[in-house]
C-alpha atoms as a PDB file:
ATOM      1  CA  MET A   1      16.769  12.089 -25.545  1.00  0.00           C
ATOM      2  CA  ASN A   2      19.933  10.447 -26.365  1.00  0.00           C
ATOM      3  CA  ASN A   3      23.831  11.225 -25.644  1.00  0.00           C
ATOM      4  CA  CYS A   4      23.287  13.543 -23.314  1.00  0.00           C
ATOM      5  CA  THR A   5      25.174  14.594 -20.294  1.00  0.00           C
ATOM      6  CA  PHE A   6      22.980  16.506 -17.366  1.00  0.00           C
ATOM      7  CA  ALA A   7      25.401  17.451 -15.022  1.00  0.00           C
ATOM      8  CA  GLN A   8      25.380  20.226 -11.984  1.00  0.00           C
ATOM      9  CA  ASN A   9      21.774  21.418 -12.661  1.00  0.00           C
ATOM     10  CA  ASN A  10      19.268  22.434  -9.451  1.00  0.00           C
ATOM     11  CA  ALA A  11      15.975  23.160  -9.168  1.00  0.00           C
ATOM     12  CA  THR A  12      13.511  22.666  -6.653  1.00  0.00           C
ATOM     13  CA  ILE A  13      11.630  20.034  -8.073  1.00  0.00           C
ATOM     14  CA  GLY A  14      13.405  17.856 -10.639  1.00  0.00           C
ATOM     15  CA  GLY A  15      16.676  19.024 -11.166  1.00  0.00           C
ATOM     16  CA  ALA A  16      17.692  17.653 -14.348  1.00  0.00           C
ATOM     17  CA  ILE A  17      14.138  16.645 -15.913  1.00  0.00           C
ATOM     18  CA  TYR A  18      10.981  17.550 -14.735  1.00  0.00           C
ATOM     19  CA  LEU A  19       7.891  15.582 -16.420  1.00  0.00           C
ATOM     20  CA  GLN A  20       4.248  17.118 -15.440  1.00  0.00           C
ATOM     21  CA  ASP A  21       0.541  16.510 -16.928  1.00  0.00           C
ATOM     22  CA  LYS A  22       0.560  12.927 -19.300  1.00  0.00           C
ATOM     23  CA  SER A  23       4.275  13.714 -20.393  1.00  0.00           C
ATOM     24  CA  THR A  24       7.117  11.251 -21.932  1.00  0.00           C
ATOM     25  CA  ALA A  25      10.445  11.430 -22.413  1.00  0.00           C
ATOM     26  CA  ASN A  26      12.566   8.414 -23.522  1.00  0.00           C
ATOM     27  CA  ILE A  27      16.371   8.542 -22.399  1.00  0.00           C
ATOM     28  CA  GLY A  28      18.750   7.039 -23.945  1.00  0.00           C
ATOM     29  CA  ASN A  29      23.082   5.990 -23.087  1.00  0.00           C
ATOM     30  CA  SER A  30      23.021   9.514 -21.473  1.00  0.00           C
ATOM     31  CA  THR A  31      24.528  10.717 -17.834  1.00  0.00           C
ATOM     32  CA  LEU A  32      22.619  12.393 -15.599  1.00  0.00           C
ATOM     33  CA  ALA A  33      24.894  13.755 -12.469  1.00  0.00           C
ATOM     34  CA  HIS A  34      25.429  15.712  -9.716  1.00  0.00           C
ATOM     35  CA  ASN A  35      22.135  17.409  -9.780  1.00  0.00           C
ATOM     36  CA  THR A  36      20.168  18.648  -6.609  1.00  0.00           C
ATOM     37  CA  ALA A  37      16.521  19.222  -6.115  1.00  0.00           C
ATOM     38  CA  SER A  38      14.373  19.423  -3.383  1.00  0.00           C
ATOM     39  CA  SER A  39      12.360  16.861  -4.661  1.00  0.00           C
ATOM     40  CA  GLY A  40      13.874  14.142  -7.365  1.00  0.00           C
ATOM     41  CA  GLY A  41      17.571  15.243  -7.548  1.00  0.00           C
ATOM     42  CA  ALA A  42      18.221  14.493 -11.079  1.00  0.00           C
ATOM     43  CA  VAL A  43      14.192  13.658 -12.901  1.00  0.00           C
ATOM     44  CA  TYR A  44      10.990  14.456 -11.542  1.00  0.00           C
ATOM     45  CA  VAL A  45       7.512  12.294 -12.818  1.00  0.00           C
ATOM     46  CA  GLN A  46       4.362  13.084 -12.563  1.00  0.00           C
ATOM     47  CA  SER A  47       0.575  13.764 -13.074  1.00  0.00           C
ATOM     48  CA  SER A  48       0.782  10.470 -15.325  1.00  0.00           C
ATOM     49  CA  SER A  49       3.524  11.113 -16.978  1.00  0.00           C
ATOM     50  CA  SER A  50       6.454   8.608 -18.391  1.00  0.00           C
ATOM     51  CA  MET A  51      10.012   8.121 -18.591  1.00  0.00           C
ATOM     52  CA  TRP A  52      11.669   5.185 -20.251  1.00  0.00           C
ATOM     53  CA  SER A  53      15.666   5.133 -19.436  1.00  0.00           C
ATOM     54  CA  ASN A  54      17.868   2.750 -21.631  1.00  0.00           C
ATOM     55  CA  MET A  55      21.685   2.465 -20.783  1.00  0.00           C
ATOM     56  CA  CYS A  56      21.822   5.624 -18.754  1.00  0.00           C
ATOM     57  CA  THR A  57      24.093   6.445 -15.616  1.00  0.00           C
ATOM     58  CA  TYR A  58      22.327   8.160 -12.188  1.00  0.00           C
ATOM     59  CA  GLU A  59      25.615   9.205 -10.253  1.00  0.00           C
ATOM     60  CA  ASP A  60      25.617  11.577  -7.166  1.00  0.00           C
ATOM     61  CA  ASN A  61      22.630  13.060  -7.601  1.00  0.00           C
ATOM     62  CA  THR A  62      21.063  14.592  -3.614  1.00  0.00           C
ATOM     63  CA  ALA A  63      16.963  15.297  -2.789  1.00  0.00           C
ATOM     64  CA  ILE A  64      17.259  17.643   0.165  1.00  0.00           C
ATOM     65  CA  GLY A  65      13.551  15.147   0.745  1.00  0.00           C
ATOM     66  CA  ASN A  66      12.877  12.001  -1.543  1.00  0.00           C
ATOM     67  CA  GLY A  67      13.766  10.753  -4.485  1.00  0.00           C
ATOM     68  CA  GLY A  68      17.853  11.265  -4.233  1.00  0.00           C
ATOM     69  CA  ALA A  69      17.781  10.503  -8.294  1.00  0.00           C
ATOM     70  CA  ILE A  70      14.160  10.078  -9.286  1.00  0.00           C
ATOM     71  CA  ILE A  71      10.837  10.420  -8.416  1.00  0.00           C
ATOM     72  CA  VAL A  72       7.700   8.983  -9.890  1.00  0.00           C
ATOM     73  CA  PHE A  73       4.817  10.468  -8.004  1.00  0.00           C
ATOM     74  CA  ASP A  74       0.828  10.457  -8.882  1.00  0.00           C
ATOM     75  CA  GLU A  75      -0.373   7.485 -10.937  1.00  0.00           C
ATOM     76  CA  SER A  76       3.619   7.716 -13.081  1.00  0.00           C
ATOM     77  CA  THR A  77       5.301   5.500 -14.483  1.00  0.00           C
ATOM     78  CA  ALA A  78       9.738   5.276 -14.656  1.00  0.00           C
ATOM     79  CA  THR A  79      10.960   2.590 -16.709  1.00  0.00           C
ATOM     80  CA  MET A  80      14.938   1.676 -16.827  1.00  0.00           C
ATOM     81  CA  GLY A  81      17.070  -0.871 -18.269  1.00  0.00           C
ATOM     82  CA  ASN A  82      20.812  -1.607 -18.433  1.00  0.00           C
ATOM     83  CA  CYS A  83      20.872   1.377 -16.023  1.00  0.00           C
ATOM     84  CA  THR A  84      23.625   2.374 -13.190  1.00  0.00           C
ATOM     85  CA  LEU A  85      22.173   4.259  -9.888  1.00  0.00           C
ATOM     86  CA  ALA A  86      24.988   5.129  -7.625  1.00  0.00           C
ATOM     87  CA  HIS A  87      26.198   7.004  -5.196  1.00  0.00           C
ATOM     88  CA  ASN A  88      22.697   9.269  -4.953  1.00  0.00           C
ATOM     89  CA  THR A  89      21.514  10.561  -1.576  1.00  0.00           C
ATOM     90  CA  ALA A  90      17.803  11.579  -0.286  1.00  0.00           C
ATOM     91  CA  SER A  91      17.511  12.837   2.849  1.00  0.00           C
ATOM     92  CA  GLY A  92      14.001  11.646   3.071  1.00  0.00           C
ATOM     93  CA  PHE A  93      13.118   8.386   1.549  1.00  0.00           C
ATOM     94  CA  GLY A  94      14.202   6.466  -1.534  1.00  0.00           C
ATOM     95  CA  GLY A  95      17.933   7.263  -1.883  1.00  0.00           C
ATOM     96  CA  ALA A  96      17.795   6.364  -5.995  1.00  0.00           C
ATOM     97  CA  ILE A  97      13.746   6.763  -6.702  1.00  0.00           C
ATOM     98  CA  TYR A  98      10.903   7.146  -4.808  1.00  0.00           C
ATOM     99  CA  ALA A  99       7.910   5.950  -6.509  1.00  0.00           C
ATOM    100  CA  GLU A 100       3.852   7.087  -4.354  1.00  0.00           C
ATOM    101  CA  ASP A 101       0.196   7.205  -5.167  1.00  0.00           C
ATOM    102  CA  GLU A 102      -0.185   4.457  -7.439  1.00  0.00           C
ATOM    103  CA  SER A 103       2.805   4.509  -9.343  1.00  0.00           C
ATOM    104  CA  THR A 104       5.025   2.546 -10.840  1.00  0.00           C
ATOM    105  CA  ALA A 105       8.864   1.799 -10.977  1.00  0.00           C
ATOM    106  CA  THR A 106      10.361  -0.931 -12.960  1.00  0.00           C
ATOM    107  CA  ILE A 107      14.200  -1.929 -12.979  1.00  0.00           C
ATOM    108  CA  ALA A 108      15.662  -4.636 -15.329  1.00  0.00           C
ATOM    109  CA  SER A 109      19.532  -5.679 -15.901  1.00  0.00           C
ATOM    110  CA  SER A 110      20.656  -2.614 -14.025  1.00  0.00           C
ATOM    111  CA  SER A 111      22.652  -1.693 -10.767  1.00  0.00           C
ATOM    112  CA  LEU A 112      21.309   0.590  -7.661  1.00  0.00           C
ATOM    113  CA  ALA A 113      24.713   0.258  -5.629  1.00  0.00           C
ATOM    114  CA  HIS A 114      25.965   3.197  -2.696  1.00  0.00           C
ATOM    115  CA  ASN A 115      22.464   4.905  -2.418  1.00  0.00           C
ATOM    116  CA  ALA A 116      21.555   6.324   1.093  1.00  0.00           C
ATOM    117  CA  ALA A 117      18.176   7.828   2.239  1.00  0.00           C
ATOM    118  CA  SER A 118      16.301   7.461   5.646  1.00  0.00           C
ATOM    119  CA  PHE A 119      13.941   5.041   4.487  1.00  0.00           C
ATOM    120  CA  GLY A 120      14.597   2.887   1.920  1.00  0.00           C
ATOM    121  CA  GLY A 121      18.337   3.523   1.120  1.00  0.00           C
ATOM    122  CA  ALA A 122      17.941   2.778  -2.986  1.00  0.00           C
ATOM    123  CA  VAL A 123      14.001   2.274  -3.488  1.00  0.00           C
ATOM    124  CA  PHE A 124      11.059   3.712  -1.422  1.00  0.00           C
ATOM    125  CA  VAL A 125       7.606   3.057  -2.578  1.00  0.00           C
ATOM    126  CA  GLN A 126       4.084   4.355  -0.989  1.00  0.00           C
ATOM    127  CA  ASP A 127       0.483   4.540  -1.476  1.00  0.00           C
ATOM    128  CA  GLU A 128      -0.231   1.468  -3.325  1.00  0.00           C
ATOM    129  CA  SER A 129       2.553   1.743  -5.658  1.00  0.00           C
ATOM    130  CA  THR A 130       4.730  -0.995  -7.090  1.00  0.00           C
ATOM    131  CA  ALA A 131       8.305  -1.589  -7.620  1.00  0.00           C
ATOM    132  CA  THR A 132       9.801  -4.653  -9.773  1.00  0.00           C
ATOM    133  CA  ILE A 133      13.366  -5.448  -9.922  1.00  0.00           C
ATOM    134  CA  ASN A 134      14.611  -7.728 -12.203  1.00  0.00           C
ATOM    135  CA  ASN A 135      18.007  -8.945 -13.086  1.00  0.00           C
ATOM    136  CA  SER A 136      19.632  -6.127 -10.950  1.00  0.00           C
ATOM    137  CA  THR A 137      22.017  -5.861  -8.436  1.00  0.00           C
ATOM    138  CA  LEU A 138      21.710  -3.723  -4.864  1.00  0.00           C
ATOM    139  CA  ALA A 139      24.998  -3.658  -2.924  1.00  0.00           C
ATOM    140  CA  HIS A 140      26.028  -1.120  -0.320  1.00  0.00           C
ATOM    141  CA  ASN A 141      22.652   0.811   0.099  1.00  0.00           C
ATOM    142  CA  ALA A 142      22.119   2.247   3.659  1.00  0.00           C
ATOM    143  CA  VAL A 143      20.140   4.398   5.587  1.00  0.00           C
ATOM    144  CA  PHE A 144      21.295   6.748   7.493  1.00  0.00           C
ATOM    145  CA  SER A 145      22.887   5.507  10.858  1.00  0.00           C
ATOM    146  CA  GLY A 146      20.915   7.060  14.163  1.00  0.00           C
ATOM    147  CA  GLY A 147      17.541   6.764  14.376  1.00  0.00           C
ATOM    148  CA  SER A 148      14.913   4.527  13.759  1.00  0.00           C
ATOM    149  CA  SER A 149      15.232   3.517  10.175  1.00  0.00           C
ATOM    150  CA  SER A 150      14.296   0.760   8.238  1.00  0.00           C
ATOM    151  CA  GLY A 151      15.074  -1.180   4.196  1.00  0.00           C
ATOM    152  CA  GLY A 152      18.825  -0.556   3.517  1.00  0.00           C
ATOM    153  CA  ALA A 153      17.843  -1.226  -0.470  1.00  0.00           C
ATOM    154  CA  VAL A 154      14.345  -1.241  -0.484  1.00  0.00           C
ATOM    155  CA  PHE A 155      11.137   0.073   1.423  1.00  0.00           C
ATOM    156  CA  VAL A 156       7.806  -1.026   0.498  1.00  0.00           C
ATOM    157  CA  GLN A 157       4.788   0.717   2.506  1.00  0.00           C
ATOM    158  CA  SER A 158       0.803   1.110   2.907  1.00  0.00           C
ATOM    159  CA  ALA A 159      -0.254  -1.172   0.351  1.00  0.00           C
ATOM    160  CA  SER A 160       2.366  -1.194  -2.009  1.00  0.00           C
ATOM    161  CA  SER A 161       3.986  -4.122  -4.067  1.00  0.00           C
ATOM    162  CA  LEU A 162       7.634  -5.320  -4.256  1.00  0.00           C
ATOM    163  CA  HIS A 163       8.127  -7.686  -7.214  1.00  0.00           C
ATOM    164  CA  SER A 164      12.248  -9.196  -7.642  1.00  0.00           C
ATOM    165  CA  ASN A 165      13.247 -11.606  -9.691  1.00  0.00           C
ATOM    166  CA  THR A 166      16.552 -13.115 -10.023  1.00  0.00           C
ATOM    167  CA  CYS A 167      18.052 -10.142  -8.334  1.00  0.00           C
ATOM    168  CA  THR A 168      21.437 -10.031  -6.103  1.00  0.00           C
ATOM    169  CA  TYR A 169      20.948  -7.900  -2.310  1.00  0.00           C
ATOM    170  CA  GLU A 170      24.602  -8.032  -0.968  1.00  0.00           C
ATOM    171  CA  ARG A 171      25.538  -5.704   2.243  1.00  0.00           C
ATOM    172  CA  ASN A 172      22.631  -3.344   2.325  1.00  0.00           C
ATOM    173  CA  THR A 173      22.446  -1.890   5.665  1.00  0.00           C
ATOM    174  CA  ALA A 174      19.610  -0.841   8.094  1.00  0.00           C
ATOM    175  CA  THR A 175      19.741   0.765  11.620  1.00  0.00           C
ATOM    176  CA  ASP A 176      16.137  -0.803  12.466  1.00  0.00           C
ATOM    177  CA  ASN A 177      14.812  -3.057  10.030  1.00  0.00           C
ATOM    178  CA  GLY A 178      15.392  -5.114   6.954  1.00  0.00           C
ATOM    179  CA  GLY A 179      19.042  -4.923   6.367  1.00  0.00           C
ATOM    180  CA  ALA A 180      17.754  -5.082   2.537  1.00  0.00           C
ATOM    181  CA  ILE A 181      14.042  -5.292   2.399  1.00  0.00           C
ATOM    182  CA  CYS A 182      11.758  -3.838   4.921  1.00  0.00           C
ATOM    183  CA  ALA A 183       7.513  -4.328   3.827  1.00  0.00           C
ATOM    184  CA  SER A 184       4.963  -2.696   6.130  1.00  0.00           C
ATOM    185  CA  ASP A 185       1.383  -1.476   6.516  1.00  0.00           C
ATOM    186  CA  GLU A 186      -0.461  -3.942   4.323  1.00  0.00           C
ATOM    187  CA  SER A 187       2.432  -4.369   2.031  1.00  0.00           C
ATOM    188  CA  ASN A 188       3.826  -7.163   0.149  1.00  0.00           C
ATOM    189  CA  ALA A 189       7.162  -8.343  -1.165  1.00  0.00           C
ATOM    190  CA  THR A 190       7.421 -11.443  -3.572  1.00  0.00           C
ATOM    191  CA  ILE A 191      11.126 -12.139  -4.374  1.00  0.00           C
ATOM    192  CA  SER A 192      12.034 -15.121  -6.839  1.00  0.00           C
ATOM    193  CA  ASP A 193      15.477 -17.109  -7.767  1.00  0.00           C
ATOM    194  CA  SER A 194      17.508 -14.168  -5.453  1.00  0.00           C
ATOM    195  CA  THR A 195      20.970 -13.667  -3.561  1.00  0.00           C
ATOM    196  CA  LEU A 196      20.427 -12.248  -0.385  1.00  0.00           C
ATOM    197  CA  ALA A 197      24.156 -12.041   1.447  1.00  0.00           C
ATOM    198  CA  HIS A 198      25.861 -10.174   4.191  1.00  0.00           C
ATOM    199  CA  ASN A 199      22.851  -7.964   4.325  1.00  0.00           C
ATOM    200  CA  ALA A 200      22.511  -6.225   8.300  1.00  0.00           C
ATOM    201  CA  ALA A 201      20.089  -4.743  10.345  1.00  0.00           C
ATOM    202  CA  THR A 202      18.898  -4.703  14.019  1.00  0.00           C
ATOM    203  CA  ALA A 203      16.108  -6.882  13.327  1.00  0.00           C
ATOM    204  CA  GLY A 204      15.756  -9.040   9.969  1.00  0.00           C
ATOM    205  CA  GLY A 205      19.290  -8.960   8.413  1.00  0.00           C
ATOM    206  CA  ALA A 206      17.754  -9.732   5.367  1.00  0.00           C
ATOM    207  CA  VAL A 207      14.290  -8.758   4.972  1.00  0.00           C
ATOM    208  CA  CYS A 208      11.933  -7.879   7.968  1.00  0.00           C
ATOM    209  CA  ILE A 209       7.867  -7.785   7.487  1.00  0.00           C
ATOM    210  CA  GLN A 210       5.966  -5.918   9.396  1.00  0.00           C
ATOM    211  CA  ARG A 211       2.167  -4.402  10.391  1.00  0.00           C
ATOM    212  CA  SER A 212       0.362  -6.644   8.703  1.00  0.00           C
ATOM    213  CA  SER A 213       1.922  -7.390   5.624  1.00  0.00           C
ATOM    214  CA  SER A 214       3.404 -10.312   3.851  1.00  0.00           C
ATOM    215  CA  MET A 215       6.055 -11.687   1.831  1.00  0.00           C
ATOM    216  CA  GLN A 216       6.409 -14.956  -0.542  1.00  0.00           C
ATOM    217  CA  SER A 217       9.731 -15.982  -1.162  1.00  0.00           C
ATOM    218  CA  ASP A 218      10.767 -18.929  -3.978  1.00  0.00           C
ATOM    219  CA  MET A 219      14.259 -20.497  -4.837  1.00  0.00           C
ATOM    220  CA  CYS A 220      16.316 -17.643  -2.701  1.00  0.00           C
ATOM    221  CA  ILE A 221      19.431 -17.939  -0.638  1.00  0.00           C
ATOM    222  CA  TYR A 222      19.399 -16.762   2.382  1.00  0.00           C
ATOM    223  CA  GLU A 223      23.503 -16.369   3.367  1.00  0.00           C
ATOM    224  CA  ASN A 224      25.775 -14.803   5.543  1.00  0.00           C
ATOM    225  CA  ASN A 225      23.084 -11.949   6.761  1.00  0.00           C
ATOM    226  CA  THR A 226      23.282 -10.360  10.561  1.00  0.00           C
ATOM    227  CA  ALA A 227      20.385  -9.403  12.877  1.00  0.00           C
ATOM    228  CA  LYS A 228      21.694  -7.465  16.141  1.00  0.00           C
ATOM    229  CA  SER A 229      18.269  -8.657  17.629  1.00  0.00           C
ATOM    230  CA  GLN A 230      15.926 -10.370  16.046  1.00  0.00           C
ATOM    231  CA  GLY A 231      15.606 -12.698  12.678  1.00  0.00           C
ATOM    232  CA  GLY A 232      19.672 -13.218  11.101  1.00  0.00           C
ATOM    233  CA  ALA A 233      17.869 -13.355   7.693  1.00  0.00           C
ATOM    234  CA  ILE A 234      13.844 -12.442   8.211  1.00  0.00           C
ATOM    235  CA  VAL A 235      11.352 -11.249  10.767  1.00  0.00           C
ATOM    236  CA  ALA A 236       7.809 -11.207  10.503  1.00  0.00           C
ATOM    237  CA  HIS A 237       6.011  -9.429  13.228  1.00  0.00           C
ATOM    238  CA  GLY A 238       2.819  -7.509  13.599  1.00  0.00           C
ATOM    239  CA  GLN A 239      -0.005 -10.016  12.315  1.00  0.00           C
ATOM    240  CA  SER A 240       1.741 -10.493   9.990  1.00  0.00           C
ATOM    241  CA  THR A 241       3.132 -13.820   7.180  1.00  0.00           C
ATOM    242  CA  ALA A 242       5.879 -14.967   5.800  1.00  0.00           C
ATOM    243  CA  THR A 243       6.049 -17.810   3.196  1.00  0.00           C
ATOM    244  CA  VAL A 244       9.219 -19.367   2.006  1.00  0.00           C
ATOM    245  CA  VAL A 245       9.757 -22.208  -1.037  1.00  0.00           C
ATOM    246  CA  SER A 246      12.893 -23.857  -1.731  1.00  0.00           C
ATOM    247  CA  SER A 247      15.203 -21.762  -0.448  1.00  0.00           C
ATOM    248  CA  THR A 248      18.289 -21.687   1.707  1.00  0.00           C
ATOM    249  CA  PHE A 249      19.149 -20.183   5.072  1.00  0.00           C
ATOM    250  CA  ALA A 250      23.106 -20.479   5.209  1.00  0.00           C
ATOM    251  CA  ARG A 251      25.406 -18.859   8.369  1.00  0.00           C
ATOM    252  CA  ASN A 252      22.758 -16.372   9.354  1.00  0.00           C
ATOM    253  CA  ALA A 253      22.907 -14.823  12.745  1.00  0.00           C
ATOM    254  CA  ALA A 254      21.522 -12.878  15.386  1.00  0.00           C
ATOM    255  CA  THR A 255      20.807 -13.288  19.331  1.00  0.00           C
ATOM    256  CA  ASN A 256      17.071 -14.601  18.836  1.00  0.00           C
ATOM    257  CA  GLY A 257      15.939 -16.681  15.594  1.00  0.00           C
ATOM    258  CA  GLY A 258      19.707 -17.212  13.972  1.00  0.00           C
ATOM    259  CA  ALA A 259      17.655 -17.677  10.120  1.00  0.00           C
ATOM    260  CA  VAL A 260      13.963 -16.513  11.115  1.00  0.00           C
ATOM    261  CA  LEU A 261      12.290 -15.005  13.656  1.00  0.00           C
ATOM    262  CA  VAL A 262       8.126 -14.055  13.849  1.00  0.00           C
ATOM    263  CA  LEU A 263       6.699 -12.544  16.427  1.00  0.00           C
ATOM    264  CA  ARG A 264       3.620 -10.636  17.466  1.00  0.00           C
ATOM    265  CA  SER A 265       0.644 -12.845  16.236  1.00  0.00           C
ATOM    266  CA  SER A 266       3.010 -13.476  12.619  1.00  0.00           C
ATOM    267  CA  SER A 267       3.530 -16.514  10.850  1.00  0.00           C
ATOM    268  CA  LEU A 268       5.918 -18.720   9.107  1.00  0.00           C
ATOM    269  CA  ARG A 269       5.146 -21.108   6.574  1.00  0.00           C
ATOM    270  CA  CYS A 270       8.229 -22.722   4.717  1.00  0.00           C
ATOM    271  CA  ASP A 271       8.638 -25.761   3.043  1.00  0.00           C
ATOM    272  CA  ALA A 272      11.489 -27.774   0.932  1.00  0.00           C
ATOM    273  CA  CYS A 273      14.233 -25.418   3.006  1.00  0.00           C
ATOM    274  CA  THR A 274      17.324 -25.832   3.993  1.00  0.00           C
ATOM    275  CA  TYR A 275      18.973 -24.323   7.358  1.00  0.00           C
ATOM    276  CA  GLU A 276      22.175 -24.917   7.697  1.00  0.00           C
ATOM    277  CA  ASN A 277      25.189 -23.545   9.755  1.00  0.00           C
ATOM    278  CA  ASN A 278      22.837 -20.883  11.367  1.00  0.00           C
ATOM    279  CA  THR A 279      23.510 -19.588  14.658  1.00  0.00           C
ATOM    280  CA  ALA A 280      21.734 -17.522  17.795  1.00  0.00           C
ATOM    281  CA  THR A 281      23.549 -16.376  20.743  1.00  0.00           C
ATOM    282  CA  ASP A 282      20.169 -16.971  22.971  1.00  0.00           C
ATOM    283  CA  ASN A 283      17.303 -18.960  21.284  1.00  0.00           C
ATOM    284  CA  GLY A 284      16.300 -20.626  18.301  1.00  0.00           C
ATOM    285  CA  GLY A 285      19.694 -21.257  15.904  1.00  0.00           C
ATOM    286  CA  ALA A 286      17.506 -21.502  13.157  1.00  0.00           C
ATOM    287  CA  ILE A 287      14.078 -20.756  13.869  1.00  0.00           C
ATOM    288  CA  ASP A 288      12.353 -18.885  17.222  1.00  0.00           C
ATOM    289  CA  VAL A 289       8.543 -18.488  16.864  1.00  0.00           C
ATOM    290  CA  PHE A 290       7.796 -16.076  19.584  1.00  0.00           C
ATOM    291  CA  THR A 291       4.516 -15.411  22.090  1.00  0.00           C
ATOM    292  CA  GLY A 292       1.355 -15.690  19.906  1.00  0.00           C
ATOM    293  CA  SER A 293       3.035 -16.693  16.566  1.00  0.00           C
ATOM    294  CA  THR A 294       2.740 -19.748  14.612  1.00  0.00           C
ATOM    295  CA  ALA A 295       4.927 -21.886  12.659  1.00  0.00           C
ATOM    296  CA  THR A 296       4.634 -24.883   9.881  1.00  0.00           C
ATOM    297  CA  ILE A 297       7.163 -26.021   8.014  1.00  0.00           C
ATOM    298  CA  ALA A 298       7.375 -28.978   6.011  1.00  0.00           C
ATOM    299  CA  ASN A 299      10.107 -31.333   3.977  1.00  0.00           C
ATOM    300  CA  CYS A 300      12.727 -29.086   5.591  1.00  0.00           C
ATOM    301  CA  THR A 301      16.307 -29.669   6.723  1.00  0.00           C
ATOM    302  CA  LEU A 302      17.629 -28.531   9.409  1.00  0.00           C
ATOM    303  CA  VAL A 303      21.462 -29.422  10.129  1.00  0.00           C
ATOM    304  CA  HIS A 304      24.080 -28.012  12.104  1.00  0.00           C
ATOM    305  CA  ASN A 305      22.826 -24.707  13.481  1.00  0.00           C
ATOM    306  CA  GLY A 306      22.739 -23.593  17.091  1.00  0.00           C
ATOM    307  CA  ALA A 307      21.823 -21.524  20.111  1.00  0.00           C
ATOM    308  CA  SER A 308      22.151 -21.365  24.117  1.00  0.00           C
ATOM    309  CA  ASN A 309      18.076 -22.637  23.728  1.00  0.00           C
ATOM    310  CA  GLY A 310      16.977 -24.449  20.802  1.00  0.00           C
ATOM    311  CA  GLY A 311      19.873 -25.251  18.728  1.00  0.00           C
ATOM    312  CA  ALA A 312      17.703 -25.716  15.341  1.00  0.00           C
ATOM    313  CA  ALA A 313      14.104 -24.174  16.727  1.00  0.00           C
ATOM    314  CA  TYR A 314      12.759 -22.409  19.939  1.00  0.00           C
ATOM    315  CA  ILE A 315       9.223 -22.170  20.211  1.00  0.00           C
ATOM    316  CA  GLU A 316       7.993 -19.546  22.674  1.00  0.00           C
ATOM    317  CA  ALA A 317       5.171 -20.061  25.549  1.00  0.00           C
ATOM    318  CA  PHE A 318       1.234 -20.307  23.846  1.00  0.00           C
ATOM    319  CA  SER A 319       3.148 -20.448  20.228  1.00  0.00           C
ATOM    320  CA  SER A 320       3.011 -23.472  18.137  1.00  0.00           C
ATOM    321  CA  MET A 321       4.975 -24.848  15.377  1.00  0.00           C
ATOM    322  CA  GLN A 322       3.929 -27.876  12.992  1.00  0.00           C
ATOM    323  CA  SER A 323       7.055 -30.027  11.366  1.00  0.00           C
ATOM    324  CA  ASP A 324       5.925 -32.896   8.286  1.00  0.00           C
ATOM    325  CA  ALA A 325       8.706 -34.957   7.048  1.00  0.00           C
ATOM    326  CA  CYS A 326      11.764 -32.932   8.615  1.00  0.00           C
ATOM    327  CA  THR A 327      15.180 -33.623   9.379  1.00  0.00           C
ATOM    328  CA  TYR A 328      16.988 -32.195  11.983  1.00  0.00           C
ATOM    329  CA  GLU A 329      21.093 -33.383  12.314  1.00  0.00           C
ATOM    330  CA  ASP A 330      23.815 -31.692  14.423  1.00  0.00           C
ATOM    331  CA  ASN A 331      22.117 -29.245  15.630  1.00  0.00           C
ATOM    332  CA  THR A 332      23.391 -27.963  18.916  1.00  0.00           C
ATOM    333  CA  ALA A 333      22.177 -26.187  22.084  1.00  0.00           C
ATOM    334  CA  ALA A 334      24.389 -24.918  24.942  1.00  0.00           C
ATOM    335  CA  SER A 335      21.753 -25.103  27.518  1.00  0.00           C
ATOM    336  CA  GLN A 336      18.496 -26.807  26.147  1.00  0.00           C
ATOM    337  CA  GLY A 337      16.884 -28.684  23.449  1.00  0.00           C
ATOM    338  CA  GLY A 338      19.840 -29.574  20.909  1.00  0.00           C
ATOM    339  CA  ALA A 339      17.257 -29.392  18.418  1.00  0.00           C
ATOM    340  CA  ILE A 340      13.887 -28.187  19.602  1.00  0.00           C
ATOM    341  CA  LEU A 341      13.103 -26.312  22.501  1.00  0.00           C
ATOM    342  CA  ALA A 342       9.269 -25.809  23.284  1.00  0.00           C
ATOM    343  CA  PHE A 343       8.620 -23.547  26.086  1.00  0.00           C
ATOM    344  CA  VAL A 344       5.800 -23.601  28.587  1.00  0.00           C
ATOM    345  CA  SER A 345       2.290 -23.585  27.164  1.00  0.00           C
ATOM    346  CA  ALA A 346       3.885 -24.109  23.868  1.00  0.00           C
ATOM    347  CA  SER A 347       3.258 -26.889  21.117  1.00  0.00           C
ATOM    348  CA  SER A 348       5.143 -28.468  18.659  1.00  0.00           C
ATOM    349  CA  PHE A 349       4.997 -31.280  16.324  1.00  0.00           C
END
């Protein structure tokens, strides 16, 4: 299918296109707009079927349930290159794309913007599914205001994975956790050579890792992200692990943990990173290690960060932080610990 327009179509499943039972579709240079369905506003792919889409526009499609533009289900695959997915909406999960049950969504050199859903404003994957997003921009995606909604751009859960390389996540918002990305329930997010900027949430302005999940971040920039409560850029909680290498945290802000906050038996491992001009209203201008959690930082530079307590780092009771070959310079605390404040029964260095 090339040079086609699918517009204002309506169905219960797959507003414009429905693939099942090992079917295959190649869609090129086409527009799918203003289609509506209960599931998969424009396209529904299931039962080991495959879809390839190149230079296509998916716009203003709507799902009453999941997958505002596309659903990939039951060991199926969707591969998209040079596509635009914009202004798609799902009342449930995945404003643009929803993948479930060992399915795979691969997105390259594409734009996902102004999509919205209850969870995963642009992309939602669950049940051992995988989203791979490369060289793409995810901007102005959101989860609906009101209630507990997470993953402004991407939400992965239930042993699923996100692999994201050379992407920009900008101005995405979540009412609860993870303004840009949220990984939950033993899931994993790998983010490399990407910029996450001006995202906002209640916890984890850019990224939230929760419920025994993990993240690896390499050569990324986290800047101007905000959290109303915890972790201006990243929050890890519920026995989760955040590993960050060769990355920069600048001008992020939160009530606690201006750049990063770890809590509830979680851990932060950070090497060769820069924390600069991050701020917390209360504790930990750059880093806050909350009760029962750990942080290991090495070869890092923490400069010009500020908070009421612990200008650069705040270590709560029964927590620990190991710091090796790091530089702390020109950090400020309005009350205690210009660089570091370690609370009762906490340990540092």
